[in-house]
Amino acid sequence: MISKDELAYLAKISKLDLSEDEAEKFPKQLERTIEYIDILAQLSSDDPIVLDLQEIKFDELRDDVINTSGGRPINKNLTEDGFLKGPKMK
């Protein structure tokens, strides 16, 4: 089981501010997650996995439509070229 000290350390390096309630619940949840990962690691990967993927061509995709209100785009984060502008990376 993950101790409270280990959880506090993980929260600190992950920059998470955990409440007391979360600090009580998370060790059990993390322990179950680790158990599931261990189960997955034991599965045999010798057999090839066949994925049934569908190929989609670009011309089959929908066109992007910019909705406007009063002649102005509804999304205020659009550039002059019509691209979506996200937050700056720090």
Protein backbone atom coordinates (compact mmCIF):
# COMPACT_ATOMS: atom_id res chain seq x y z
CA MET A 1 0.00 0.00 0.00
CA ILE A 2 1.20 3.49 -0.78
CA SER A 3 1.94 5.47 2.35
CA LYS A 4 0.70 8.99 2.99
CA ASP A 5 4.29 10.23 2.82
CA GLU A 6 4.75 8.66 -0.62
CA LEU A 7 1.46 10.15 -1.77
CA ALA A 8 2.45 13.57 -0.44
CA TYR A 9 5.75 13.31 -2.32
CA LEU A 10 3.99 12.27 -5.56
CA ALA A 11 1.50 15.12 -5.17
CA LYS A 12 4.34 17.59 -4.59
CA ILE A 13 6.35 16.60 -7.67
CA SER A 14 3.13 16.47 -9.71
CA LYS A 15 2.19 19.92 -8.43
CA LEU A 16 -1.13 18.67 -7.07
CA ASP A 17 -2.85 20.18 -4.08
CA LEU A 18 -4.72 17.26 -2.52
CA SER A 19 -7.46 17.71 0.04
CA GLU A 20 -7.58 15.46 3.11
CA ASP A 21 -10.44 13.50 1.55
CA GLU A 22 -8.42 12.92 -1.63
CA ALA A 23 -5.36 11.97 0.40
CA GLU A 24 -7.46 9.27 2.09
CA LYS A 25 -8.93 7.86 -1.15
CA PHE A 26 -5.98 8.05 -3.55
CA PRO A 27 -3.64 5.43 -1.99
CA LYS A 28 -6.29 2.72 -2.43
CA GLN A 29 -7.05 3.86 -5.97
CA LEU A 30 -3.37 3.98 -6.91
CA GLU A 31 -2.84 0.52 -5.44
CA ARG A 32 -5.68 -0.88 -7.59
CA THR A 33 -4.26 0.85 -10.66
CA ILE A 34 -0.86 -0.72 -10.03
CA GLU A 35 -2.52 -4.15 -9.63
CA TYR A 36 -4.23 -3.75 -13.02
CA ILE A 37 -0.93 -2.74 -14.63
CA ASP A 38 0.70 -5.85 -13.16
CA ILE A 39 -2.10 -8.01 -14.62
CA LEU A 40 -1.63 -6.42 -18.04
CA ALA A 41 2.13 -6.97 -17.86
CA GLN A 42 1.54 -10.71 -17.32
CA LEU A 43 -0.54 -11.08 -20.47
CA SER A 44 1.23 -12.82 -23.30
CA SER A 45 2.12 -10.52 -26.15
CA ASP A 46 3.58 -13.29 -28.32
CA ASP A 47 0.40 -13.58 -30.37
CA PRO A 48 0.06 -10.87 -33.01
CA ILE A 49 -2.72 -8.39 -32.40
CA VAL A 50 -4.82 -7.66 -35.45
CA LEU A 51 -6.43 -4.25 -35.45
CA ASP A 52 -9.43 -3.66 -37.66
CA LEU A 53 -8.83 -0.04 -38.58
CA GLN A 54 -10.93 1.88 -41.03
CA GLU A 55 -9.15 4.11 -43.49
CA ILE A 56 -10.60 7.61 -43.79
CA LYS A 57 -9.62 9.89 -46.63
CA PHE A 58 -9.30 13.63 -46.10
CA ASP A 59 -12.01 14.39 -48.63
CA GLU A 60 -14.44 12.30 -46.55
CA LEU A 61 -14.00 14.53 -43.49
CA ARG A 62 -16.46 17.28 -42.71
CA ASP A 63 -15.65 20.87 -43.58
CA ASP A 64 -14.90 23.17 -40.68
CA VAL A 65 -17.57 25.82 -40.34
CA ILE A 66 -17.02 29.01 -38.36
CA ASN A 67 -20.25 30.14 -36.73
CA THR A 68 -20.74 33.88 -36.56
CA SER A 69 -22.91 36.21 -34.59
CA GLY A 70 -23.45 39.68 -36.00
CA GLY A 71 -20.77 39.05 -38.62
CA ARG A 72 -18.09 38.23 -36.01
CA PRO A 73 -16.82 34.71 -35.25
CA ILE A 74 -18.32 33.28 -32.06
CA ASN A 75 -14.95 31.89 -30.96
CA LYS A 76 -12.79 34.87 -29.98
CA ASN A 77 -9.58 32.78 -30.13
CA LEU A 78 -9.46 32.72 -33.95
CA THR A 79 -6.57 34.34 -35.77
CA GLU A 80 -7.05 36.53 -38.84
CA ASP A 81 -6.38 33.44 -40.97
CA GLY A 82 -9.18 31.53 -39.23
CA PHE A 83 -6.95 29.28 -37.14
CA LEU A 84 -7.74 28.54 -33.49
CA LYS A 85 -5.23 30.22 -31.17
CA GLY A 86 -4.38 28.35 -27.97
CA PRO A 87 -2.68 29.55 -24.78
CA LYS A 88 1.05 30.27 -24.84
CA MET A 89 3.35 27.54 -23.61
CA LYS A 90 5.30 28.39 -20.45
